[in-house]
Amino acid sequence: MSMKPEFGSLRSDDDQWDIVSSVGYTALLVAGWRALHAVSPRPLVRDEYAKVFIAASRDPYLAGVLANPGTSADETAFPRLYGVQTRFFDDFFASAGDAGIRQAVIVAAGLDSRAYRLEWPIGTTVFEVDLPKVLDFKRRVLGEQGAAPKARRIEVAADLRTNWPTPLKAAGFDPHSPSAWSLEGVLPYLTDDAQTTLLAGITELCAPGGRIAIGALGSRLDREHLADLETDHPGVNTSGQVDFSALTYEARIDPAVWLAGHGWAVAPVRNTLQLQAGYGMTPPEVDVKIDGFMHSQYITGTRSE
């Protein structure tokens, strides 16, 4: 009888990764879903850079899926759900820009291409924080494409489990000016202590009027259902599967509650089904099932103190 590892059992406090290993591969996997969503009949967003990252990675599984995309509700579920998530954060940054905020911080940026996709207001600086190897891969791939960011883009090579505020400020971030922060899909890969430290650091750096958006399809994964994900999406471990149970940690804090208690005005929390309804979509049954065990949570807040 095979045994599944406990949450985070194959992680260490100082583990590192590139875009085709460990936590880094999950960013590549999500890019694959965004690429599939872009070619769906009625996409909520079009990330044309996502397919470029997949091609550059030479990952056989994702390349095969993109070459032969499925069309059934089950086959299009994850591309659709991550399309919803992508739209949520796109709208967040657009709203922040409309409110006059000119500093954006994309935390654990991965293969996020918003600096290149979105129409940023003149004078906006986008800081992308991630590990050096991940940033190197993105810079190389987009450079080969001749892609140009639509805002001033600054890379901040840092580990969120260490003193990341220092390199962020050294890169030109101004803690006295309002800023908009995105934490897309990152919290499940951090321990409770690391999550608390990260949120505290953002709170300290974010001037009044600044904003934050936190969200993940799998905010709190039910471990008994992880086998469904591991079987359907091969990728990183020795058995040829994405073993989410080895990459994520079991959450015990609620970021919305934490923010509300530390100087943030928090809007009502939504899940992916509610976001879909807001976009005029009727979630198919498979989406309801997936959200039932992935417990999506999308949070926005404004710094009030």
Protein backbone atom coordinates (compact mmCIF):
# COMPACT_ATOMS: atom_id res chain seq x y z
CA MET A 1 0.00 0.00 0.00
CA SER A 2 1.43 3.37 -1.00
CA MET A 3 1.49 6.21 1.47
CA LYS A 4 0.93 9.87 0.65
CA PRO A 5 3.29 12.40 2.22
CA GLU A 6 1.89 14.82 4.74
CA PHE A 7 1.37 18.44 3.72
CA GLY A 8 4.79 20.03 3.24
CA SER A 9 6.68 16.84 4.13
CA LEU A 10 9.03 17.22 1.15
CA ARG A 11 9.56 20.93 1.74
CA SER A 12 12.27 22.57 3.81
CA ASP A 13 12.68 26.05 5.22
CA ASP A 14 15.27 27.00 2.61
CA ASP A 15 14.30 24.88 -0.42
CA GLN A 16 14.79 26.46 -3.84
CA TRP A 17 13.32 25.82 -7.28
CA ASP A 18 13.33 26.84 -10.90
CA ILE A 19 10.36 26.88 -13.27
CA VAL A 20 10.38 23.14 -13.96
CA SER A 21 10.78 21.86 -10.40
CA SER A 22 8.92 21.84 -7.08
CA VAL A 23 6.74 24.92 -6.44
CA GLY A 24 8.09 26.54 -9.62
CA TYR A 25 6.39 23.91 -11.76
CA THR A 26 3.00 24.89 -10.40
CA ALA A 27 3.48 28.33 -11.98
CA LEU A 28 4.21 26.61 -15.29
CA LEU A 29 1.15 24.41 -14.88
CA VAL A 30 -1.09 27.43 -14.24
CA ALA A 31 0.44 29.14 -17.30
CA GLY A 32 -0.62 26.09 -19.29
CA TRP A 33 -4.18 26.47 -18.04
CA ARG A 34 -4.12 30.17 -18.92
CA ALA A 35 -2.91 29.28 -22.40
CA LEU A 36 -5.79 26.83 -22.81
CA HIS A 37 -8.27 29.40 -21.52
CA ALA A 38 -7.03 31.92 -24.09
CA VAL A 39 -8.14 29.63 -26.94
CA SER A 40 -11.52 28.78 -25.41
CA PRO A 41 -14.68 30.09 -27.13
CA ARG A 42 -15.35 32.98 -24.69
CA PRO A 43 -12.24 33.65 -22.59
CA LEU A 44 -12.43 36.09 -19.72
CA VAL A 45 -8.80 37.05 -20.39
CA ARG A 46 -6.24 36.37 -23.09
CA ASP A 47 -2.72 35.75 -21.88
CA GLU A 48 -0.86 35.27 -25.15
CA TYR A 49 2.46 34.92 -23.33
CA ALA A 50 1.39 31.79 -21.48
CA LYS A 51 1.88 29.50 -24.49
CA VAL A 52 5.32 31.00 -25.05
CA PHE A 53 6.41 29.98 -21.56
CA ILE A 54 5.16 26.44 -22.14
CA ALA A 55 7.06 26.16 -25.41
CA ALA A 56 10.24 27.47 -23.81
CA SER A 57 9.98 25.03 -20.91
CA ARG A 58 9.84 22.03 -23.29
CA ASP A 59 7.54 20.28 -20.85
CA PRO A 60 6.09 17.32 -22.78
CA TYR A 61 2.85 17.04 -20.83
CA LEU A 62 1.83 20.68 -21.16
CA ALA A 63 2.99 20.84 -24.78
CA GLY A 64 0.80 17.83 -25.53
CA VAL A 65 -2.23 19.31 -23.82
CA LEU A 66 -1.85 22.57 -25.73
CA ALA A 67 -1.52 20.67 -28.99
CA ASN A 68 -4.73 18.75 -28.33
CA PRO A 69 -6.95 20.78 -25.98
CA GLY A 70 -10.06 19.08 -24.70
CA THR A 71 -13.52 20.53 -25.14
CA SER A 72 -15.67 18.84 -22.49
CA ALA A 73 -16.66 20.61 -19.27
CA ASP A 74 -14.33 18.35 -17.31
CA GLU A 75 -11.37 18.93 -19.65
CA THR A 76 -11.83 22.70 -19.64
CA ALA A 77 -12.50 23.04 -15.91
CA PHE A 78 -9.07 24.11 -14.72
CA PRO A 79 -8.40 26.46 -17.66
CA ARG A 80 -11.81 28.03 -17.00
CA LEU A 81 -11.27 28.34 -13.24
CA TYR A 82 -7.83 29.85 -13.63
CA GLY A 83 -9.24 32.20 -16.25
CA VAL A 84 -11.61 33.42 -13.55
CA GLN A 85 -8.73 33.82 -11.11
CA THR A 86 -6.65 35.72 -13.68
CA ARG A 87 -9.54 38.07 -14.39
CA PHE A 88 -9.99 38.76 -10.67
CA PHE A 89 -6.43 40.03 -10.32
CA ASP A 90 -6.52 41.89 -13.64
CA ASP A 91 -9.60 43.77 -12.43
CA PHE A 92 -7.95 44.44 -9.07
CA PHE A 93 -4.97 46.19 -10.64
CA ALA A 94 -7.18 48.11 -13.08
CA SER A 95 -9.28 49.38 -10.17
CA ALA A 96 -6.17 50.35 -8.20
CA GLY A 97 -4.84 52.27 -11.18
CA ASP A 98 -8.15 54.08 -11.60
CA ALA A 99 -7.87 55.10 -7.94
CA GLY A 100 -4.52 56.76 -8.61
CA ILE A 101 -2.20 54.06 -7.25
CA ARG A 102 1.07 53.96 -9.21
CA GLN A 103 3.00 51.22 -7.42
CA ALA A 104 2.09 47.58 -7.98
CA VAL A 105 3.80 44.66 -6.23
CA ILE A 106 3.26 41.19 -7.66
CA VAL A 107 4.32 38.83 -4.89
CA ALA A 108 5.69 35.46 -6.02
CA ALA A 109 5.27 36.69 -9.59
CA GLY A 110 6.05 33.39 -11.28
CA LEU A 111 4.97 33.59 -14.91
CA ASP A 112 2.59 36.49 -14.32
CA SER A 113 2.63 38.63 -17.48
CA ARG A 114 0.51 41.54 -16.25
CA ALA A 115 3.34 44.02 -16.63
CA TYR A 116 3.19 43.19 -20.35
CA ARG A 117 -0.56 42.58 -20.81
CA LEU A 118 -2.39 45.27 -18.88
CA GLU A 119 -2.78 48.91 -19.87
CA TRP A 120 -1.14 50.54 -16.88
CA PRO A 121 -1.59 54.26 -16.13
CA ILE A 122 1.37 56.47 -17.07
CA GLY A 123 3.89 56.58 -14.24
CA THR A 124 3.15 53.11 -12.85
CA THR A 125 5.98 50.93 -11.54
CA VAL A 126 5.42 47.18 -11.31
CA PHE A 127 7.67 45.31 -8.89
CA GLU A 128 7.86 41.54 -9.45
CA VAL A 129 9.12 39.57 -6.45
CA ASP A 130 10.29 35.98 -6.88
CA LEU A 131 13.28 33.65 -6.72
CA PRO A 132 16.17 34.48 -9.08
CA LYS A 133 15.84 31.40 -11.32
CA VAL A 134 12.14 32.04 -11.92
CA LEU A 135 12.75 35.69 -12.83
CA ASP A 136 15.68 34.69 -15.05
CA PHE A 137 13.50 32.28 -17.02
CA LYS A 138 10.77 34.86 -17.58
CA ARG A 139 13.23 37.57 -18.58
CA ARG A 140 14.95 35.29 -21.08
CA VAL A 141 11.76 34.00 -22.68
CA LEU A 142 10.06 37.38 -23.00
CA GLY A 143 13.31 38.95 -24.19
CA GLU A 144 13.55 36.39 -26.98
CA GLN A 145 10.01 37.38 -27.99
CA GLY A 146 10.90 41.06 -28.07
CA ALA A 147 8.16 41.71 -25.52
CA ALA A 148 8.11 45.13 -23.87
CA PRO A 149 6.40 45.90 -20.55
CA LYS A 150 3.62 48.48 -20.54
CA ALA A 151 4.82 49.96 -17.26
CA ARG A 152 8.18 50.42 -15.58
CA ARG A 153 8.95 46.84 -14.52
CA ILE A 154 11.48 46.08 -11.79
CA GLU A 155 12.54 42.58 -10.78
CA VAL A 156 13.14 41.93 -7.10
CA ALA A 157 15.01 38.68 -6.57
CA ALA A 158 14.04 37.59 -3.07
CA ASP A 159 12.78 34.68 -1.01
CA LEU A 160 9.50 35.45 0.77
CA ARG A 161 10.70 33.41 3.73
CA THR A 162 13.61 35.81 4.30
CA ASN A 163 14.02 39.59 4.53
CA TRP A 164 12.34 40.47 1.22
CA PRO A 165 11.30 44.05 2.19
CA THR A 166 14.94 45.21 2.12
CA PRO A 167 15.59 44.37 -1.55
CA LEU A 168 12.13 45.69 -2.47
CA LYS A 169 12.89 49.09 -0.95
CA ALA A 170 16.38 49.02 -2.44
CA ALA A 171 14.75 48.53 -5.86
CA GLY A 172 12.91 51.83 -5.44
CA PHE A 173 9.67 50.92 -3.71
CA ASP A 174 8.31 53.90 -1.76
CA PRO A 175 6.47 52.85 1.43
CA HIS A 176 5.10 56.39 1.82
CA SER A 177 3.09 56.23 -1.41
CA PRO A 178 0.00 54.03 -1.87
CA SER A 179 0.63 50.64 -3.42
CA ALA A 180 -1.35 47.67 -4.73
CA TRP A 181 -0.25 44.15 -3.78
CA SER A 182 -1.26 40.82 -5.30
CA LEU A 183 -0.77 37.44 -3.62
CA GLU A 184 -2.04 35.06 -6.28
CA GLY A 185 -1.92 31.43 -5.29
CA VAL A 186 1.11 31.85 -3.03
CA LEU A 187 -0.16 31.39 0.53
CA PRO A 188 -0.81 27.61 0.40
CA TYR A 189 2.92 27.12 -0.29
CA LEU A 190 3.95 28.95 2.89
CA THR A 191 3.77 27.84 6.50
CA ASP A 192 1.46 29.72 8.86
CA ASP A 193 4.45 31.55 10.34
CA ALA A 194 5.70 32.52 6.88
CA GLN A 195 2.22 33.69 5.88
CA THR A 196 1.91 35.85 8.99
CA THR A 197 5.37 37.33 8.45
CA LEU A 198 4.56 38.09 4.82
CA LEU A 199 1.25 39.79 5.63
CA ALA A 200 2.91 41.77 8.43
CA GLY A 201 5.63 42.94 6.07
CA ILE A 202 3.11 44.09 3.49
CA THR A 203 1.07 45.86 6.17
CA GLU A 204 4.15 47.74 7.35
CA LEU A 205 5.11 48.80 3.81
CA CYS A 206 1.63 49.68 2.53
CA ALA A 207 0.68 53.35 3.01
CA PRO A 208 -2.93 54.28 3.88
CA GLY A 209 -5.16 53.95 0.83
CA GLY A 210 -3.09 51.08 -0.52
CA ARG A 211 -4.77 47.87 -1.55
CA ILE A 212 -4.25 44.13 -1.41
CA ALA A 213 -5.73 41.18 -3.29
CA ILE A 214 -5.28 37.60 -2.13
CA GLY A 215 -6.65 34.59 -3.92
CA ALA A 216 -6.20 30.98 -4.82
CA LEU A 217 -8.38 28.29 -6.29
CA GLY A 218 -6.89 25.88 -3.76
CA SER A 219 -6.83 28.06 -0.65
CA ARG A 220 -7.40 25.04 1.61
CA LEU A 221 -7.00 21.71 -0.14
CA ASP A 222 -8.83 18.70 1.32
CA ARG A 223 -6.11 16.08 1.47
CA GLU A 224 -8.49 13.19 0.82
CA HIS A 225 -9.27 14.68 -2.61
CA LEU A 226 -5.69 15.48 -3.63
CA ALA A 227 -5.46 12.19 -5.53
CA ASP A 228 -7.87 13.60 -8.11
CA LEU A 229 -5.46 16.45 -8.86
CA GLU A 230 -2.37 14.26 -8.79
CA THR A 231 -3.81 11.75 -11.22
CA ASP A 232 -5.10 14.29 -13.72
CA HIS A 233 -2.08 16.59 -13.88
CA PRO A 234 1.30 14.84 -14.21
CA GLY A 235 4.39 16.90 -13.64
CA VAL A 236 6.95 17.05 -10.92
CA ASN A 237 7.44 14.07 -8.66
CA THR A 238 9.13 10.74 -9.34
CA SER A 239 5.85 9.04 -10.20
CA GLY A 240 5.19 11.61 -12.92
CA GLN A 241 2.56 13.53 -10.99
CA VAL A 242 2.12 16.93 -9.40
CA ASP A 243 2.05 15.98 -5.72
CA PHE A 244 0.31 18.99 -4.21
CA SER A 245 0.34 17.36 -0.79
CA ALA A 246 4.16 17.52 -0.80
CA LEU A 247 4.25 21.17 -1.85
CA THR A 248 1.55 22.83 0.24
CA TYR A 249 0.95 23.31 3.94
CA GLU A 250 -2.21 22.84 5.97
CA ALA A 251 -3.49 26.34 6.69
CA ARG A 252 -4.64 27.36 10.13
CA ILE A 253 -4.96 31.11 9.67
CA ASP A 254 -7.58 32.99 7.68
CA PRO A 255 -5.91 35.87 5.81
CA ALA A 256 -9.16 37.87 5.67
CA VAL A 257 -9.51 37.70 9.45
CA TRP A 258 -5.83 38.54 9.91
CA LEU A 259 -6.07 41.60 7.65
CA ALA A 260 -9.24 42.85 9.35
CA GLY A 261 -7.42 42.73 12.67
CA HIS A 262 -4.37 44.62 11.42
CA GLY A 263 -5.58 47.85 9.91
CA TRP A 264 -7.28 46.72 6.71
CA ALA A 265 -10.86 47.28 5.58
CA VAL A 266 -11.72 43.93 4.02
CA ALA A 267 -14.45 43.48 1.41
CA PRO A 268 -16.76 40.44 1.53
CA VAL A 269 -14.80 37.34 0.62
CA ARG A 270 -15.87 35.54 -2.55
CA ASN A 271 -15.21 32.11 -4.03
CA THR A 272 -14.68 31.18 -7.66
CA LEU A 273 -18.35 30.29 -8.16
CA GLN A 274 -19.40 33.76 -7.00
CA LEU A 275 -16.80 35.36 -9.25
CA GLN A 276 -18.14 33.39 -12.22
CA ALA A 277 -21.66 34.54 -11.48
CA GLY A 278 -20.40 38.12 -11.36
CA TYR A 279 -18.90 37.65 -14.81
CA GLY A 280 -22.24 36.43 -16.16
CA MET A 281 -21.28 32.75 -16.15
CA THR A 282 -23.17 29.74 -14.86
CA PRO A 283 -20.64 27.39 -13.23
CA PRO A 284 -20.95 23.84 -14.57
CA GLU A 285 -21.29 21.02 -12.09
CA VAL A 286 -17.61 20.07 -12.34
CA ASP A 287 -16.63 23.58 -11.17
CA VAL A 288 -18.93 23.25 -8.18
CA LYS A 289 -17.36 19.89 -7.35
CA ILE A 290 -13.79 21.21 -7.64
CA ASP A 291 -14.48 24.24 -5.49
CA GLY A 292 -16.08 21.94 -2.94
CA PHE A 293 -12.69 20.49 -2.04
CA MET A 294 -10.31 23.24 -3.17
CA HIS A 295 -12.13 25.91 -1.14
CA SER A 296 -11.29 28.95 -3.26
CA GLN A 297 -11.08 32.28 -1.49
CA TYR A 298 -10.68 35.72 -3.07
CA ILE A 299 -9.99 38.66 -0.78
CA THR A 300 -9.56 42.39 -1.32
CA GLY A 301 -8.68 44.95 1.28
CA THR A 302 -7.76 48.62 1.66
CA ARG A 303 -5.18 49.88 4.14
CA SER A 304 -7.06 52.09 6.55
CA GLU A 305 -4.52 52.93 9.22
